[in-house]
Amino acid sequence: MRRFIITGAPGAGKTAIIRQLELDGFSVVEEAATDVIVAAQAQGTAQPWTHPSFIDAISKLQRDRQIRASSQSGVVQFHDRCVVCTAALAVYLGSSFALSNERAGARQERSNLPKQSLLHSQSWLRRAYRSPANQL
């Protein structure tokens, strides 16, 4: 199965594209962070991103969705964000995020993530978030 990741800034239209692709009959994997936020806020947590378990909750939901999606049929699958996006969010929030566990899970799903650790990219991610091109 060929997998494509749709990523970009909040409000850029990623989810709208994913919804249309799903309507067109493609296999899709929805983004996890928004659902984690909505669930936590429904339970009375106003700012779930301030809790230490926030990134772990996103990672778990994302992993569960990817595992479920790996059993779907089709030759093409589209993902609304990915583990690298979760790592970027962790860096932005100042959280730690061990991609080694995510890479191990991805290998079980026969995914093709890079073999080297992505944690060394934190300084690059910080620069990317501060780049004038990413400022509204």
N, C-alpha and C. Protein backbone atom coordinates (compact mmCIF):
# COMPACT_ATOMS: atom_id res chain seq x y z
N MET A 1 0.85 -1.18 0.00
CA MET A 1 0.00 0.00 0.00
C MET A 1 0.89 1.24 0.00
N ARG A 2 0.55 2.19 -0.83
CA ARG A 2 1.26 3.48 -0.85
C ARG A 2 0.55 4.42 0.11
N ARG A 3 1.35 5.08 0.95
CA ARG A 3 0.79 6.00 1.95
C ARG A 3 1.29 7.40 1.67
N PHE A 4 0.37 8.37 1.78
CA PHE A 4 0.70 9.77 1.61
C PHE A 4 0.28 10.53 2.86
N ILE A 5 1.14 11.44 3.30
CA ILE A 5 0.87 12.24 4.48
C ILE A 5 0.55 13.66 4.04
N ILE A 6 -0.57 14.16 4.53
CA ILE A 6 -0.95 15.55 4.26
C ILE A 6 -0.66 16.32 5.54
N THR A 7 0.18 17.32 5.43
CA THR A 7 0.56 18.10 6.60
C THR A 7 0.59 19.57 6.25
N GLY A 8 0.59 20.41 7.25
CA GLY A 8 0.62 21.85 7.05
C GLY A 8 0.14 22.57 8.29
N ALA A 9 0.02 23.86 8.17
CA ALA A 9 -0.37 24.71 9.29
C ALA A 9 -1.83 24.46 9.69
N PRO A 10 -2.18 24.76 10.95
CA PRO A 10 -3.59 24.65 11.35
C PRO A 10 -4.47 25.53 10.46
N GLY A 11 -5.60 24.98 10.06
CA GLY A 11 -6.54 25.74 9.24
C GLY A 11 -6.20 25.78 7.76
N ALA A 12 -5.20 25.02 7.34
CA ALA A 12 -4.77 25.06 5.94
C ALA A 12 -5.69 24.25 5.02
N GLY A 13 -6.53 23.40 5.58
CA GLY A 13 -7.45 22.62 4.77
C GLY A 13 -7.13 21.14 4.69
N LYS A 14 -6.21 20.66 5.54
CA LYS A 14 -5.80 19.26 5.51
C LYS A 14 -7.00 18.33 5.74
N THR A 15 -7.76 18.61 6.75
CA THR A 15 -8.90 17.74 7.09
C THR A 15 -9.97 17.80 6.01
N ALA A 16 -10.19 18.95 5.42
CA ALA A 16 -11.16 19.06 4.32
C ALA A 16 -10.74 18.19 3.15
N ILE A 17 -9.44 18.17 2.86
CA ILE A 17 -8.92 17.33 1.78
C ILE A 17 -9.11 15.86 2.14
N ILE A 18 -8.77 15.50 3.37
CA ILE A 18 -8.93 14.11 3.82
C ILE A 18 -10.39 13.67 3.70
N ARG A 19 -11.31 14.53 4.12
CA ARG A 19 -12.75 14.19 4.03
C ARG A 19 -13.16 13.93 2.57
N GLN A 20 -12.68 14.78 1.66
CA GLN A 20 -13.03 14.60 0.25
C GLN A 20 -12.43 13.31 -0.31
N LEU A 21 -11.19 13.03 0.08
CA LEU A 21 -10.55 11.79 -0.37
C LEU A 21 -11.32 10.57 0.14
N GLU A 22 -11.79 10.66 1.37
CA GLU A 22 -12.60 9.56 1.92
C GLU A 22 -13.91 9.41 1.15
N LEU A 23 -14.56 10.53 0.84
CA LEU A 23 -15.78 10.49 0.03
C LEU A 23 -15.52 9.91 -1.36
N ASP A 24 -14.31 10.13 -1.86
CA ASP A 24 -13.93 9.61 -3.17
C ASP A 24 -13.55 8.13 -3.11
N GLY A 25 -13.60 7.53 -1.91
CA GLY A 25 -13.36 6.10 -1.77
C GLY A 25 -11.98 5.68 -1.33
N PHE A 26 -11.11 6.65 -1.00
CA PHE A 26 -9.77 6.31 -0.55
C PHE A 26 -9.76 5.98 0.93
N SER A 27 -8.80 5.17 1.33
CA SER A 27 -8.57 4.86 2.73
C SER A 27 -7.87 6.07 3.36
N VAL A 28 -8.35 6.51 4.53
CA VAL A 28 -7.76 7.66 5.19
C VAL A 28 -7.51 7.35 6.67
N VAL A 29 -6.55 8.06 7.25
CA VAL A 29 -6.26 8.00 8.68
C VAL A 29 -6.37 9.42 9.20
N GLU A 30 -7.31 9.63 10.11
CA GLU A 30 -7.56 10.98 10.61
C GLU A 30 -6.50 11.42 11.61
N GLU A 31 -6.34 12.72 11.72
CA GLU A 31 -5.42 13.37 12.66
C GLU A 31 -5.91 13.12 14.09
N ALA A 32 -4.98 12.93 15.03
CA ALA A 32 -5.34 12.55 16.39
C ALA A 32 -5.40 13.71 17.39
N ALA A 33 -4.57 14.74 17.23
CA ALA A 33 -4.46 15.79 18.24
C ALA A 33 -5.79 16.49 18.51
N THR A 34 -6.52 16.81 17.46
CA THR A 34 -7.79 17.51 17.64
C THR A 34 -8.76 16.68 18.45
N ASP A 35 -8.82 15.38 18.18
CA ASP A 35 -9.73 14.51 18.92
C ASP A 35 -9.33 14.38 20.39
N VAL A 36 -8.03 14.35 20.66
CA VAL A 36 -7.55 14.31 22.05
C VAL A 36 -7.95 15.60 22.77
N ILE A 37 -7.80 16.73 22.11
CA ILE A 37 -8.18 18.02 22.71
C ILE A 37 -9.68 18.07 22.99
N VAL A 38 -10.48 17.69 22.00
CA VAL A 38 -11.93 17.74 22.16
C VAL A 38 -12.39 16.81 23.29
N ALA A 39 -11.85 15.60 23.36
CA ALA A 39 -12.22 14.66 24.41
C ALA A 39 -11.85 15.19 25.80
N ALA A 40 -10.65 15.74 25.93
CA ALA A 40 -10.20 16.28 27.22
C ALA A 40 -11.05 17.47 27.63
N GLN A 41 -11.37 18.34 26.68
CA GLN A 41 -12.20 19.50 27.01
C GLN A 41 -13.62 19.08 27.38
N ALA A 42 -14.13 18.04 26.76
CA ALA A 42 -15.46 17.52 27.11
C ALA A 42 -15.48 16.97 28.54
N GLN A 43 -14.30 16.54 29.02
CA GLN A 43 -14.18 16.04 30.38
C GLN A 43 -13.79 17.14 31.37
N GLY A 44 -13.76 18.40 30.91
CA GLY A 44 -13.52 19.52 31.80
C GLY A 44 -12.10 20.06 31.85
N THR A 45 -11.21 19.55 31.03
CA THR A 45 -9.84 20.06 30.98
C THR A 45 -9.76 21.14 29.91
N ALA A 46 -9.66 22.38 30.35
CA ALA A 46 -9.71 23.51 29.42
C ALA A 46 -8.52 23.56 28.47
N GLN A 47 -7.33 23.27 28.97
CA GLN A 47 -6.11 23.34 28.16
C GLN A 47 -5.32 22.03 28.26
N PRO A 48 -5.78 20.99 27.60
CA PRO A 48 -5.13 19.68 27.74
C PRO A 48 -3.67 19.67 27.29
N TRP A 49 -3.29 20.58 26.43
CA TRP A 49 -1.91 20.63 25.94
C TRP A 49 -0.92 21.03 27.02
N THR A 50 -1.40 21.47 28.18
CA THR A 50 -0.51 21.82 29.29
C THR A 50 -0.21 20.62 30.18
N HIS A 51 -0.88 19.51 29.96
CA HIS A 51 -0.68 18.31 30.79
C HIS A 51 0.44 17.44 30.21
N PRO A 52 1.25 16.86 31.09
CA PRO A 52 2.38 16.03 30.63
C PRO A 52 1.97 14.85 29.75
N SER A 53 0.77 14.35 29.91
CA SER A 53 0.34 13.16 29.15
C SER A 53 -0.26 13.51 27.79
N PHE A 54 -0.30 14.78 27.43
CA PHE A 54 -0.94 15.21 26.18
C PHE A 54 -0.32 14.56 24.95
N ILE A 55 1.00 14.64 24.81
CA ILE A 55 1.67 14.08 23.65
C ILE A 55 1.53 12.56 23.63
N ASP A 56 1.60 11.94 24.80
CA ASP A 56 1.42 10.48 24.87
C ASP A 56 0.02 10.07 24.41
N ALA A 57 -0.99 10.85 24.79
CA ALA A 57 -2.37 10.54 24.38
C ALA A 57 -2.52 10.65 22.86
N ILE A 58 -1.91 11.68 22.28
CA ILE A 58 -1.96 11.84 20.82
C ILE A 58 -1.25 10.66 20.15
N SER A 59 -0.08 10.34 20.66
CA SER A 59 0.72 9.26 20.08
C SER A 59 -0.03 7.93 20.12
N LYS A 60 -0.68 7.65 21.25
CA LYS A 60 -1.42 6.39 21.38
C LYS A 60 -2.59 6.34 20.41
N LEU A 61 -3.37 7.40 20.34
CA LEU A 61 -4.51 7.43 19.41
C LEU A 61 -4.04 7.32 17.97
N GLN A 62 -2.98 8.04 17.65
CA GLN A 62 -2.42 8.00 16.30
C GLN A 62 -1.96 6.58 15.95
N ARG A 63 -1.26 5.94 16.88
CA ARG A 63 -0.77 4.57 16.67
C ARG A 63 -1.95 3.61 16.48
N ASP A 64 -2.98 3.72 17.33
CA ASP A 64 -4.15 2.86 17.21
C ASP A 64 -4.82 3.03 15.84
N ARG A 65 -4.92 4.25 15.39
CA ARG A 65 -5.54 4.51 14.08
C ARG A 65 -4.69 3.95 12.95
N GLN A 66 -3.38 4.07 13.06
CA GLN A 66 -2.50 3.54 12.02
C GLN A 66 -2.56 2.02 11.98
N ILE A 67 -2.61 1.39 13.13
CA ILE A 67 -2.72 -0.07 13.18
C ILE A 67 -4.03 -0.53 12.56
N ARG A 68 -5.10 0.14 12.92
CA ARG A 68 -6.42 -0.19 12.35
C ARG A 68 -6.41 0.02 10.83
N ALA A 69 -5.80 1.09 10.38
CA ALA A 69 -5.76 1.40 8.95
C ALA A 69 -4.89 0.42 8.17
N SER A 70 -3.90 -0.17 8.82
CA SER A 70 -3.02 -1.09 8.11
C SER A 70 -3.75 -2.34 7.64
N SER A 71 -4.91 -2.62 8.22
CA SER A 71 -5.69 -3.79 7.79
C SER A 71 -6.70 -3.44 6.69
N GLN A 72 -6.82 -2.17 6.34
CA GLN A 72 -7.76 -1.76 5.31
C GLN A 72 -7.23 -2.13 3.94
N SER A 73 -8.15 -2.37 3.05
CA SER A 73 -7.74 -2.70 1.68
C SER A 73 -7.55 -1.41 0.89
N GLY A 74 -6.93 -1.56 -0.24
CA GLY A 74 -6.69 -0.41 -1.11
C GLY A 74 -5.22 -0.29 -1.45
N VAL A 75 -4.94 0.42 -2.50
CA VAL A 75 -3.55 0.58 -2.92
C VAL A 75 -2.98 1.92 -2.48
N VAL A 76 -3.86 2.84 -2.09
CA VAL A 76 -3.42 4.17 -1.67
C VAL A 76 -4.13 4.53 -0.37
N GLN A 77 -3.39 5.15 0.54
CA GLN A 77 -3.96 5.59 1.82
C GLN A 77 -3.41 6.99 2.11
N PHE A 78 -4.28 7.86 2.63
CA PHE A 78 -3.90 9.23 2.96
C PHE A 78 -3.99 9.43 4.48
N HIS A 79 -2.96 10.09 5.03
CA HIS A 79 -2.90 10.36 6.47
C HIS A 79 -2.98 11.86 6.71
N ASP A 80 -3.84 12.24 7.63
CA ASP A 80 -3.94 13.63 8.08
C ASP A 80 -2.92 13.78 9.21
N ARG A 81 -1.73 14.24 8.88
CA ARG A 81 -0.57 14.38 9.77
C ARG A 81 0.05 13.03 10.06
N CYS A 82 1.16 13.05 10.84
CA CYS A 82 1.92 11.82 11.09
C CYS A 82 2.75 11.97 12.37
N VAL A 83 3.56 10.96 12.65
CA VAL A 83 4.38 10.95 13.84
C VAL A 83 5.39 12.10 13.85
N VAL A 84 5.88 12.51 12.69
CA VAL A 84 6.82 13.64 12.63
C VAL A 84 6.10 14.93 13.06
N CYS A 85 4.83 15.06 12.69
CA CYS A 85 4.05 16.22 13.13
C CYS A 85 3.88 16.20 14.64
N THR A 86 3.67 15.01 15.21
CA THR A 86 3.54 14.89 16.66
C THR A 86 4.86 15.27 17.33
N ALA A 87 5.97 14.86 16.74
CA ALA A 87 7.28 15.24 17.28
C ALA A 87 7.48 16.75 17.22
N ALA A 88 7.06 17.37 16.13
CA ALA A 88 7.17 18.82 16.00
C ALA A 88 6.31 19.52 17.05
N LEU A 89 5.11 19.00 17.29
CA LEU A 89 4.24 19.56 18.33
C LEU A 89 4.89 19.43 19.70
N ALA A 90 5.49 18.29 19.97
CA ALA A 90 6.17 18.08 21.25
C ALA A 90 7.28 19.10 21.44
N VAL A 91 8.06 19.34 20.40
CA VAL A 91 9.15 20.33 20.48
C VAL A 91 8.56 21.71 20.72
N TYR A 92 7.52 22.04 20.00
CA TYR A 92 6.88 23.35 20.14
C TYR A 92 6.36 23.56 21.56
N LEU A 93 5.79 22.50 22.16
CA LEU A 93 5.26 22.60 23.52
C LEU A 93 6.34 22.43 24.59
N GLY A 94 7.55 22.09 24.17
CA GLY A 94 8.63 21.88 25.13
C GLY A 94 8.54 20.54 25.82
N SER A 95 7.84 19.58 25.22
CA SER A 95 7.69 18.25 25.78
C SER A 95 8.74 17.32 25.20
N SER A 96 8.95 16.22 25.89
CA SER A 96 9.83 15.21 25.32
C SER A 96 8.97 14.20 24.58
N PHE A 97 9.55 13.59 23.58
CA PHE A 97 8.80 12.63 22.78
C PHE A 97 9.79 11.63 22.23
N ALA A 98 9.66 10.39 22.64
CA ALA A 98 10.61 9.35 22.21
C ALA A 98 10.11 8.72 20.92
N LEU A 99 10.73 9.09 19.83
CA LEU A 99 10.32 8.53 18.54
C LEU A 99 10.77 7.09 18.37
N SER A 100 11.65 6.61 19.22
CA SER A 100 12.09 5.23 19.07
C SER A 100 10.92 4.27 19.22
N ASN A 101 10.03 4.53 20.17
CA ASN A 101 8.86 3.68 20.34
C ASN A 101 7.95 3.76 19.13
N GLU A 102 7.79 4.95 18.59
CA GLU A 102 6.94 5.12 17.41
C GLU A 102 7.56 4.43 16.21
N ARG A 103 8.89 4.50 16.07
CA ARG A 103 9.55 3.82 14.97
C ARG A 103 9.38 2.33 15.10
N ALA A 104 9.48 1.81 16.33
CA ALA A 104 9.31 0.37 16.53
C ALA A 104 7.90 -0.05 16.13
N GLY A 105 6.90 0.72 16.53
CA GLY A 105 5.52 0.42 16.15
C GLY A 105 5.33 0.51 14.65
N ALA A 106 5.96 1.48 14.04
CA ALA A 106 5.84 1.65 12.60
C ALA A 106 6.47 0.48 11.86
N ARG A 107 7.59 -0.04 12.38
CA ARG A 107 8.22 -1.20 11.74
C ARG A 107 7.29 -2.39 11.78
N GLN A 108 6.54 -2.54 12.88
CA GLN A 108 5.59 -3.64 12.98
C GLN A 108 4.51 -3.50 11.93
N GLU A 109 4.19 -2.28 11.55
CA GLU A 109 3.18 -2.03 10.53
C GLU A 109 3.78 -2.04 9.13
N ARG A 110 5.10 -2.32 9.04
CA ARG A 110 5.82 -2.34 7.76
C ARG A 110 5.83 -0.96 7.11
N SER A 111 5.90 0.05 7.93
CA SER A 111 5.99 1.42 7.43
C SER A 111 7.46 1.74 7.15
N ASN A 112 7.72 2.77 6.39
CA ASN A 112 9.09 3.09 6.00
C ASN A 112 9.57 4.40 6.62
N LEU A 113 9.66 4.46 7.92
CA LEU A 113 10.23 5.63 8.58
C LEU A 113 11.75 5.54 8.53
N PRO A 114 12.44 6.68 8.58
CA PRO A 114 13.91 6.64 8.58
C PRO A 114 14.43 5.86 9.77
N LYS A 115 15.58 5.21 9.60
CA LYS A 115 16.14 4.39 10.67
C LYS A 115 16.79 5.24 11.75
N GLN A 116 17.31 6.41 11.39
CA GLN A 116 17.96 7.24 12.40
C GLN A 116 16.91 7.92 13.29
N SER A 117 17.29 8.23 14.49
CA SER A 117 16.38 8.91 15.41
C SER A 117 16.09 10.32 14.91
N LEU A 118 14.85 10.72 15.04
CA LEU A 118 14.48 12.07 14.61
C LEU A 118 14.64 13.09 15.73
N LEU A 119 15.03 12.64 16.90
CA LEU A 119 15.15 13.57 18.02
C LEU A 119 16.22 14.62 17.77
N HIS A 120 17.24 14.30 16.98
CA HIS A 120 18.28 15.29 16.70
C HIS A 120 17.74 16.46 15.89
N SER A 121 16.53 16.35 15.37
CA SER A 121 15.94 17.39 14.54
C SER A 121 15.29 18.50 15.36
N GLN A 122 15.34 18.40 16.68
CA GLN A 122 14.63 19.39 17.49
C GLN A 122 15.05 20.81 17.18
N SER A 123 16.35 21.07 17.00
CA SER A 123 16.77 22.44 16.71
C SER A 123 16.23 22.88 15.35
N TRP A 124 16.21 21.96 14.37
CA TRP A 124 15.64 22.29 13.06
C TRP A 124 14.15 22.62 13.20
N LEU A 125 13.43 21.83 14.01
CA LEU A 125 12.00 22.07 14.18
C LEU A 125 11.75 23.42 14.85
N ARG A 126 12.58 23.76 15.84
CA ARG A 126 12.42 25.05 16.50
C ARG A 126 12.63 26.19 15.49
N ARG A 127 13.65 26.08 14.65
CA ARG A 127 13.89 27.10 13.64
C ARG A 127 12.73 27.17 12.66
N ALA A 128 12.18 26.03 12.29
CA ALA A 128 11.07 26.00 11.33
C ALA A 128 9.85 26.72 11.90
N TYR A 129 9.59 26.53 13.19
CA TYR A 129 8.44 27.19 13.79
C TYR A 129 8.65 28.70 13.92
N ARG A 130 9.91 29.12 14.01
CA ARG A 130 10.20 30.55 14.17
C ARG A 130 10.46 31.23 12.84
N SER A 131 10.48 30.47 11.77
CA SER A 131 10.76 31.02 10.45
C SER A 131 9.72 32.05 10.04
N PRO A 132 10.13 33.19 9.45
CA PRO A 132 9.17 34.20 9.00
C PRO A 132 8.13 33.62 8.02
N ALA A 133 8.50 32.60 7.27
CA ALA A 133 7.55 32.01 6.32
C ALA A 133 6.41 31.32 7.04
N ASN A 134 6.61 30.92 8.30
CA ASN A 134 5.57 30.22 9.05
C ASN A 134 4.76 31.13 9.95
N GLN A 135 5.03 32.41 9.91
CA GLN A 135 4.32 33.38 10.74
C GLN A 135 3.13 33.92 9.96
N LEU A 136 2.02 34.06 10.62
CA LEU A 136 0.84 34.61 9.96
C LEU A 136 0.82 36.12 10.05
